[in-house]
Structure formats: C-alpha cells, structure tokens
Amino acid sequence: MTGPVQPETVLVTGCAGFIGSHLTDRLLQHGHNVVGLDNLSRGTRANLEQALKSPHFTFLETDLSDHPSWRNLLAGHNIKTVWHMAANSDIEGGVADSNIDLRDTFMTTFNLLTVMREAGIRKLAFASTSAVYGMLDAVLSEESGPLFPISNYGAMKLASEAIVSAAVESFLERAWIFRFPNVVGSRATHGIILDLLKKLARNPAQLDVLGDGRQRKPYLHVAELIEAMLFVRNRAADCLNYFLVGPEDEGIEVNQIAQAVLRAARSPLPIHYTGGSAGWVGDVPRFRYSVAKLSRLGWRPALSSRQAIERAVTEIHAELRVQA
C-alpha cells in the first residue's frame, strides 16, 4: 500500500458537475493544485463557487470530446494525476441518441488518454458505474460477470474501462477504476431525488413516479463517495485498481424515496406509479453490491442507503428553495 499523497497538481474533468465539484473542493482542501475542465452542459459555475475563490484552482471551459481545442491549454501545469469524472449522465437521453454516450462518455476518455500519453501524465482515476454489469441476478462484486450492459451509458463506461486497462499496459503507471452505485447529495444535476422534487413543483396534485415503486438499489452520499475514492487513491497500489464503492446494505426501494421526498416537502400527496418493473429503457431495477474488497482495504461507509437518501433529500430540497 502507498501512503498519503503529497500535494500535487491534478486535473479534474467534469469539475463543475455534481461529483466533480465536490471532488474539486476536497482536493483543494487537501492542498492540491487543481486544473478543472468542464463544458458546463450540466455542471454550473455555481458549483465551483468555493473553488473559484482559491488561488490553487484553474478553470478551463472546454469540450473534452474536441481535444484539439484544449490539449494545449494544459501545457505548463505539470499535471501528475487525472481524475476523469466527465461523462454523459442522462441515461435516457443516451438510449434515444447513442451518439451522446459515444461522444460524451467514450470519446472523452479516449481523447483524454491520448493527451495524457502525449503529455507524459501517467496516473488516472476513472469514474465508472454499476451499469457495466447489466442485469446480473446475483450480488455484484469486482469479479462478477459476464458484463453485458443494457444501456448505452453502461456500454460506453465499460468500453472506457477497457481502454484504460489497455493504457495501463502501454503507458499508464497506475489507474484506479471506481464503479459507483447511485450517488446522491447536494449540487445534484440529475437523479431520482431532484426529479421527484421538480415534479412536485410542477404538479401540486400528485407525485408521478416511474415504475412500480419496488425498484431497489444501493445509494451512497457524495461526501462518502469522495472520501472512499481518495482513500483508494492513497492506498491501492496495483497497476490497475478497480473497486465497487457503495453502502453495505441491500439498498432502498423507490417508494421509500418518494415518501422521503414528500415528508421533506410537507406535501401529503397521492403517489401515482407508472407501472412496470423498470423506470425507463436501460434501467436496472434491482441490484445488490458487495463492497468487501473496499472493506478489506480499510474503508467502510458510515451511512446506510436510507440515511444517505434522507440527508440528500434535505440538502436538495433546501437548494431548490433557495433557487426558487
């Protein structure tokens, strides 16, 4: 195992997004110099409010899928590690138009690796997803398979994992792949909590929920996700490191999340379920995680899926009230 990482210059792609902005803030708190890239398609400058105050943060608004436009912007920064958080996060949109995930998820990874190779940057931390597994009817672990994603989002994340693995063989010194569960918390740009709260605002008569409400998935608060990723980055020292990151329980059902949203909004409305076991095309309605590998490394979450949801509902509801 490696020890704590000394302050260095790092690149965060998708730095203005949900997870990327939280990661950026934490890296700055740890003394790193951070160069952030984002095209602001979903991320916002508001998410970077704290980071932009720091003399150790440099923000570059650019499109990763068009690497000639930004590759020269990195010159002179002496970047040591890249945290690649940029990707399409709209799974339904990617189903409707497969070019979205090809461009925003796979090509951003491919182009990033091309630039890293040219610049001699040899360490990469990559945000992947549980969607790479598809519909496996078993507890998911790092060794589960076969991997047959059912969404273009999952397919392009899996393809990105593959190209990262190949890069480890050719020029990367070390890579860390993190397979996320459903992540919740403040600054959300998408996800069930934000979606339900916005539906409440649009329709005061009832809350419409996709599926039958029985979908059950693990949820992790973004603060704990960031903590886990930094822990793994500091201690996992194989050439290619890959970890499931998530809670230790079996998750929470969608109907319980809907009830938590109604409690926070103090809206005793009826819930209307659209029906069906899945909420949308590409949705994996039920899955279970094993985080035993992460636990063996020495990190365990403090919050259950239910606690993560309740904390996130409070945070997102408060943010929407401020924006209103």
Protein backbone atom coordinates (compact mmCIF):
# COMPACT_ATOMS: atom_id res chain seq x y z
CA MET A 1 0.00 0.00 0.00
CA THR A 2 1.02 3.59 -0.59
CA GLY A 3 0.90 6.34 1.99
CA PRO A 4 -0.91 9.70 1.87
CA VAL A 5 -0.37 11.52 -1.40
CA GLN A 6 1.70 14.68 -1.13
CA PRO A 7 0.15 17.82 -2.63
CA GLU A 8 0.48 17.78 -6.41
CA THR A 9 -1.12 19.32 -9.48
CA VAL A 10 -4.14 17.33 -10.62
CA LEU A 11 -6.64 17.59 -13.45
CA VAL A 12 -10.36 17.08 -12.77
CA THR A 13 -12.58 16.63 -15.81
CA GLY A 14 -16.25 17.43 -15.29
CA CYS A 15 -15.15 19.66 -12.42
CA ALA A 16 -18.35 21.75 -12.39
CA GLY A 17 -20.68 18.76 -12.22
CA PHE A 18 -22.27 17.03 -9.26
CA ILE A 19 -19.45 14.69 -8.24
CA GLY A 20 -16.64 16.61 -9.92
CA SER A 21 -17.30 19.83 -7.99
CA HIS A 22 -17.34 18.03 -4.64
CA LEU A 23 -14.11 16.25 -5.58
CA THR A 24 -12.52 19.54 -6.63
CA ASP A 25 -13.37 21.16 -3.29
CA ARG A 26 -11.93 18.22 -1.35
CA LEU A 27 -8.71 18.09 -3.39
CA LEU A 28 -8.18 21.80 -2.77
CA GLN A 29 -8.77 21.25 0.95
CA HIS A 30 -6.02 18.61 0.85
CA GLY A 31 -3.56 21.14 -0.56
CA HIS A 32 -3.51 20.10 -4.21
CA ASN A 33 -3.38 22.46 -7.16
CA VAL A 34 -6.41 21.68 -9.30
CA VAL A 35 -6.92 22.33 -13.01
CA GLY A 36 -10.60 21.80 -13.84
CA LEU A 37 -12.18 21.16 -17.23
CA ASP A 38 -15.92 21.35 -17.93
CA ASN A 39 -18.15 22.30 -20.88
CA LEU A 40 -20.93 23.41 -18.48
CA SER A 41 -23.54 21.31 -20.28
CA ARG A 42 -24.80 20.06 -16.91
CA GLY A 43 -22.32 21.47 -14.45
CA THR A 44 -22.52 25.09 -13.34
CA ARG A 45 -20.20 27.83 -12.19
CA ALA A 46 -22.31 27.98 -9.02
CA ASN A 47 -20.99 24.51 -8.14
CA LEU A 48 -17.48 25.98 -8.28
CA GLU A 49 -18.25 28.92 -6.01
CA GLN A 50 -15.75 27.85 -3.36
CA ALA A 51 -13.13 26.53 -5.78
CA LEU A 52 -13.05 29.73 -7.82
CA LYS A 53 -12.00 31.64 -4.70
CA SER A 54 -8.85 29.54 -4.40
CA PRO A 55 -5.57 30.66 -5.98
CA HIS A 56 -4.80 26.95 -6.40
CA PHE A 57 -7.68 26.36 -8.82
CA THR A 58 -7.64 26.97 -12.57
CA PHE A 59 -10.90 26.57 -14.51
CA LEU A 60 -10.96 25.90 -18.25
CA GLU A 61 -14.33 25.86 -20.00
CA THR A 62 -13.88 23.46 -22.91
CA ASP A 63 -15.30 20.34 -24.56
CA LEU A 64 -13.33 17.18 -23.86
CA SER A 65 -14.74 15.44 -26.94
CA ASP A 66 -12.91 18.02 -29.08
CA HIS A 67 -9.39 17.53 -27.77
CA PRO A 68 -7.52 19.79 -30.22
CA SER A 69 -9.35 22.71 -28.56
CA TRP A 70 -7.97 22.01 -25.08
CA ARG A 71 -4.85 19.86 -25.30
CA ASN A 72 -2.57 22.91 -25.47
CA LEU A 73 -4.34 24.55 -22.52
CA LEU A 74 -2.70 22.03 -20.17
CA ALA A 75 0.82 22.97 -21.14
CA GLY A 76 2.85 24.31 -18.25
CA HIS A 77 0.65 22.91 -15.47
CA ASN A 78 2.85 19.85 -14.69
CA ILE A 79 -0.15 17.61 -14.01
CA LYS A 80 0.62 14.37 -12.16
CA THR A 81 -2.79 12.72 -11.75
CA VAL A 82 -6.06 12.98 -13.68
CA TRP A 83 -9.47 12.47 -12.08
CA HIS A 84 -11.80 11.73 -15.00
CA MET A 85 -15.36 12.50 -13.87
CA ALA A 86 -16.73 13.88 -17.17
CA ALA A 87 -19.39 11.79 -18.92
CA ASN A 88 -22.97 11.86 -20.10
CA SER A 89 -25.18 11.34 -17.05
CA ASP A 90 -28.51 11.26 -18.90
CA ILE A 91 -29.09 7.53 -19.39
CA GLU A 92 -32.47 8.02 -21.07
CA GLY A 93 -31.02 10.60 -23.43
CA GLY A 94 -28.26 8.17 -24.36
CA VAL A 95 -30.83 5.50 -25.18
CA ALA A 96 -32.65 7.88 -27.51
CA ASP A 97 -29.43 9.01 -29.20
CA SER A 98 -26.46 6.66 -28.93
CA ASN A 99 -24.13 9.37 -30.23
CA ILE A 100 -24.43 11.14 -26.87
CA ASP A 101 -22.67 8.40 -24.90
CA LEU A 102 -20.20 7.73 -27.68
CA ARG A 103 -19.18 11.39 -27.70
CA ASP A 104 -19.54 12.42 -24.06
CA THR A 105 -18.55 9.19 -22.31
CA PHE A 106 -16.23 7.10 -24.50
CA MET A 107 -14.59 9.72 -26.72
CA THR A 108 -13.87 11.97 -23.76
CA THR A 109 -11.98 9.05 -22.20
CA PHE A 110 -10.23 8.12 -25.45
CA ASN A 111 -9.19 11.72 -26.13
CA LEU A 112 -8.08 12.25 -22.55
CA LEU A 113 -5.81 9.22 -22.69
CA THR A 114 -4.35 10.45 -25.98
CA VAL A 115 -3.46 13.79 -24.40
CA MET A 116 -2.15 12.11 -21.24
CA ARG A 117 0.18 9.95 -23.30
CA GLU A 118 1.49 12.92 -25.25
CA ALA A 119 2.00 14.95 -22.05
CA GLY A 120 3.56 12.12 -20.04
CA ILE A 121 0.79 12.07 -17.42
CA ARG A 122 0.82 8.53 -16.03
CA LYS A 123 -1.84 8.29 -13.31
CA LEU A 124 -5.60 8.18 -13.89
CA ALA A 125 -8.61 7.82 -11.58
CA PHE A 126 -11.74 6.98 -13.55
CA ALA A 127 -15.42 7.23 -12.57
CA SER A 128 -17.22 4.13 -13.80
CA THR A 129 -20.59 2.67 -12.81
CA SER A 130 -22.54 -0.37 -11.70
CA ALA A 131 -24.32 -0.10 -15.07
CA VAL A 132 -21.44 -2.04 -16.65
CA TYR A 133 -22.90 -5.23 -15.13
CA GLY A 134 -26.29 -5.13 -16.81
CA MET A 135 -28.95 -7.48 -15.42
CA LEU A 136 -26.88 -9.93 -13.37
CA ASP A 137 -29.11 -11.75 -10.87
CA ALA A 138 -26.53 -12.00 -8.10
CA VAL A 139 -24.71 -9.87 -5.58
CA LEU A 140 -22.33 -7.76 -7.65
CA SER A 141 -18.62 -7.88 -6.92
CA GLU A 142 -15.48 -6.88 -8.77
CA GLU A 143 -15.27 -10.42 -10.16
CA SER A 144 -18.91 -10.69 -11.35
CA GLY A 145 -19.64 -11.40 -14.97
CA PRO A 146 -20.29 -11.68 -17.81
CA LEU A 147 -20.61 -7.91 -18.28
CA PHE A 148 -23.49 -7.15 -20.66
CA PRO A 149 -24.76 -3.57 -20.09
CA ILE A 150 -28.34 -2.77 -21.09
CA SER A 151 -27.82 0.97 -21.62
CA ASN A 152 -25.52 2.89 -23.93
CA TYR A 153 -24.28 4.69 -20.84
CA GLY A 154 -23.17 1.41 -19.27
CA ALA A 155 -21.75 0.16 -22.57
CA MET A 156 -19.57 3.25 -23.08
CA LYS A 157 -18.40 3.18 -19.45
CA LEU A 158 -17.39 -0.47 -19.94
CA ALA A 159 -15.61 0.44 -23.18
CA SER A 160 -13.85 3.22 -21.27
CA GLU A 161 -12.72 0.76 -18.62
CA ALA A 162 -11.29 -1.40 -21.40
CA ILE A 163 -9.33 1.44 -22.97
CA VAL A 164 -8.00 2.45 -19.54
CA SER A 165 -6.87 -1.15 -18.98
CA ALA A 166 -5.08 -1.13 -22.34
CA ALA A 167 -3.42 2.17 -21.47
CA VAL A 168 -2.02 0.62 -18.28
CA GLU A 169 -0.24 -1.91 -20.45
CA SER A 170 1.20 0.73 -22.75
CA PHE A 171 1.95 3.92 -20.82
CA LEU A 172 -0.03 4.48 -17.59
CA GLU A 173 1.89 3.80 -14.40
CA ARG A 174 -1.28 3.35 -12.35
CA ALA A 175 -5.05 3.57 -12.77
CA TRP A 176 -7.95 3.44 -10.33
CA ILE A 177 -11.43 2.48 -11.60
CA PHE A 178 -14.39 3.23 -9.33
CA ARG A 179 -17.73 1.58 -10.05
CA PHE A 180 -20.33 3.85 -8.47
CA PRO A 181 -23.79 2.93 -7.19
CA ASN A 182 -26.49 5.63 -7.22
CA VAL A 183 -24.85 8.71 -5.73
CA VAL A 184 -26.94 11.41 -4.02
CA GLY A 185 -26.36 14.73 -2.31
CA SER A 186 -26.14 18.47 -2.77
CA ARG A 187 -25.44 20.03 -6.20
CA ALA A 188 -27.26 17.18 -7.93
CA THR A 189 -27.67 17.69 -11.67
CA HIS A 190 -29.89 14.65 -12.15
CA GLY A 191 -31.23 11.65 -10.23
CA ILE A 192 -34.40 10.47 -8.56
CA ILE A 193 -34.50 12.99 -5.70
CA LEU A 194 -34.07 16.04 -7.91
CA ASP A 195 -36.52 14.60 -10.42
CA LEU A 196 -39.22 13.97 -7.81
CA LEU A 197 -38.84 17.37 -6.17
CA LYS A 198 -39.14 19.09 -9.54
CA LYS A 199 -42.23 17.03 -10.34
CA LEU A 200 -43.79 18.17 -7.07
CA ALA A 201 -43.20 21.77 -8.06
CA ARG A 202 -44.79 21.25 -11.48
CA ASN A 203 -47.78 19.19 -10.35
CA PRO A 204 -49.25 20.01 -6.91
CA ALA A 205 -51.98 17.37 -7.31
CA GLN A 206 -49.93 14.16 -7.24
CA LEU A 207 -46.40 12.80 -7.39
CA ASP A 208 -45.68 10.78 -10.52
CA VAL A 209 -43.08 8.04 -10.04
CA LEU A 210 -41.63 5.92 -12.84
CA GLY A 211 -42.04 2.16 -12.48
CA ASP A 212 -43.94 0.28 -9.79
CA GLY A 213 -42.01 1.75 -6.85
CA ARG A 214 -40.41 -1.57 -5.96
CA GLN A 215 -37.10 -0.91 -7.67
CA ARG A 216 -34.40 -1.38 -5.04
CA LYS A 217 -30.88 -0.02 -5.37
CA PRO A 218 -27.95 0.98 -3.14
CA TYR A 219 -27.37 4.70 -2.58
CA LEU A 220 -24.23 6.44 -1.37
CA HIS A 221 -23.92 10.06 -0.27
CA VAL A 222 -21.49 12.07 -2.42
CA ALA A 223 -19.41 13.08 0.61
CA GLU A 224 -18.72 9.43 1.39
CA LEU A 225 -18.03 8.65 -2.26
CA ILE A 226 -15.33 11.32 -2.38
CA GLU A 227 -13.86 10.05 0.89
CA ALA A 228 -13.75 6.49 -0.47
CA MET A 229 -12.12 7.49 -3.77
CA LEU A 230 -9.38 9.47 -2.05
CA PHE A 231 -8.81 6.60 0.37
CA VAL A 232 -8.40 4.13 -2.51
CA ARG A 233 -6.18 6.54 -4.45
CA ASN A 234 -3.87 6.80 -1.44
CA ARG A 235 -3.70 3.10 -0.58
CA ALA A 236 -4.36 0.86 -3.60
CA ALA A 237 -1.03 0.46 -5.38
CA ASP A 238 -1.57 -2.15 -8.10
CA CYS A 239 -1.03 -1.02 -11.66
CA LEU A 240 -4.77 -1.43 -12.33
CA ASN A 241 -7.03 -1.00 -9.30
CA TYR A 242 -10.80 -1.46 -9.52
CA PHE A 243 -13.33 -1.15 -6.74
CA LEU A 244 -17.05 -1.15 -6.19
CA VAL A 245 -17.91 1.81 -3.98
CA GLY A 246 -21.20 1.80 -2.10
CA PRO A 247 -23.10 1.17 1.11
CA GLU A 248 -23.06 -2.13 2.97
CA ASP A 249 -26.82 -2.72 2.85
CA GLU A 250 -29.17 -4.03 0.17
CA GLY A 251 -30.42 -0.60 -0.81
CA ILE A 252 -33.72 1.20 -0.57
CA GLU A 253 -36.89 0.98 -2.66
CA VAL A 254 -38.13 3.80 -4.87
CA ASN A 255 -41.42 4.03 -2.96
CA GLN A 256 -39.45 4.76 0.23
CA ILE A 257 -37.54 7.51 -1.56
CA ALA A 258 -40.82 9.03 -2.79
CA GLN A 259 -42.14 9.06 0.78
CA ALA A 260 -38.96 10.77 2.00
CA VAL A 261 -39.38 13.46 -0.66
CA LEU A 262 -43.00 14.05 0.35
CA ARG A 263 -42.02 14.35 4.01
CA ALA A 264 -39.32 16.90 3.24
CA ALA A 265 -41.69 18.95 1.09
CA ARG A 266 -44.51 18.53 3.66
CA SER A 267 -46.78 17.50 0.81
CA PRO A 268 -49.15 14.64 1.74
CA LEU A 269 -49.97 13.99 -1.92
CA PRO A 270 -51.01 10.71 -3.50
CA ILE A 271 -48.29 8.87 -5.43
CA HIS A 272 -49.00 7.68 -8.95
CA TYR A 273 -46.77 4.87 -10.20
CA THR A 274 -46.46 4.48 -13.97
CA GLY A 275 -46.07 0.70 -13.61
CA GLY A 276 -43.57 -1.87 -14.80
CA SER A 277 -40.54 -3.29 -13.06
CA ALA A 278 -38.17 -0.71 -14.59
CA GLY A 279 -38.46 3.07 -14.68
CA TRP A 280 -37.11 3.54 -18.21
CA VAL A 281 -35.29 1.74 -21.02
CA GLY A 282 -31.83 0.89 -19.73
CA ASP A 283 -32.87 0.97 -16.06
CA VAL A 284 -31.61 -1.90 -13.89
CA PRO A 285 -34.48 -2.07 -11.38
CA ARG A 286 -32.81 -4.14 -8.67
CA PHE A 287 -29.22 -4.88 -7.83
CA ARG A 288 -27.09 -5.62 -4.79
CA TYR A 289 -23.50 -4.65 -4.16
CA SER A 290 -20.63 -6.30 -2.35
CA VAL A 291 -18.08 -3.81 -1.04
CA ALA A 292 -16.00 -6.49 0.67
CA LYS A 293 -12.91 -5.62 -1.38
CA LEU A 294 -13.11 -1.98 -0.33
CA SER A 295 -13.68 -3.04 3.28
CA ARG A 296 -10.57 -5.23 3.18
CA LEU A 297 -8.58 -2.20 2.03
CA GLY A 298 -9.79 -0.44 5.19
CA TRP A 299 -12.69 1.83 4.21
CA ARG A 300 -16.34 1.45 5.26
CA PRO A 301 -19.24 3.88 4.83
CA ALA A 302 -20.90 5.49 7.83
CA LEU A 303 -24.34 5.93 6.22
CA SER A 304 -26.85 3.36 5.07
CA SER A 305 -28.72 3.82 1.80
CA ARG A 306 -31.72 5.15 3.74
CA GLN A 307 -29.58 7.62 5.70
CA ALA A 308 -27.87 8.79 2.51
CA ILE A 309 -31.26 9.38 0.89
CA GLU A 310 -32.65 11.28 3.87
CA ARG A 311 -29.58 13.53 4.06
CA ALA A 312 -29.64 14.17 0.32
CA VAL A 313 -33.37 14.93 0.25
CA THR A 314 -32.85 17.59 2.92
CA GLU A 315 -29.90 19.10 1.04
CA ILE A 316 -31.51 19.16 -2.42
CA HIS A 317 -34.86 20.42 -1.12
CA ALA A 318 -33.06 23.30 0.62
CA GLU A 319 -31.13 24.16 -2.54
CA LEU A 320 -34.28 24.25 -4.68
CA ARG A 321 -36.00 26.55 -2.17
CA VAL A 322 -33.07 28.97 -2.40
CA GLN A 323 -33.21 28.88 -6.20
CA ALA A 324 -36.98 29.44 -6.33
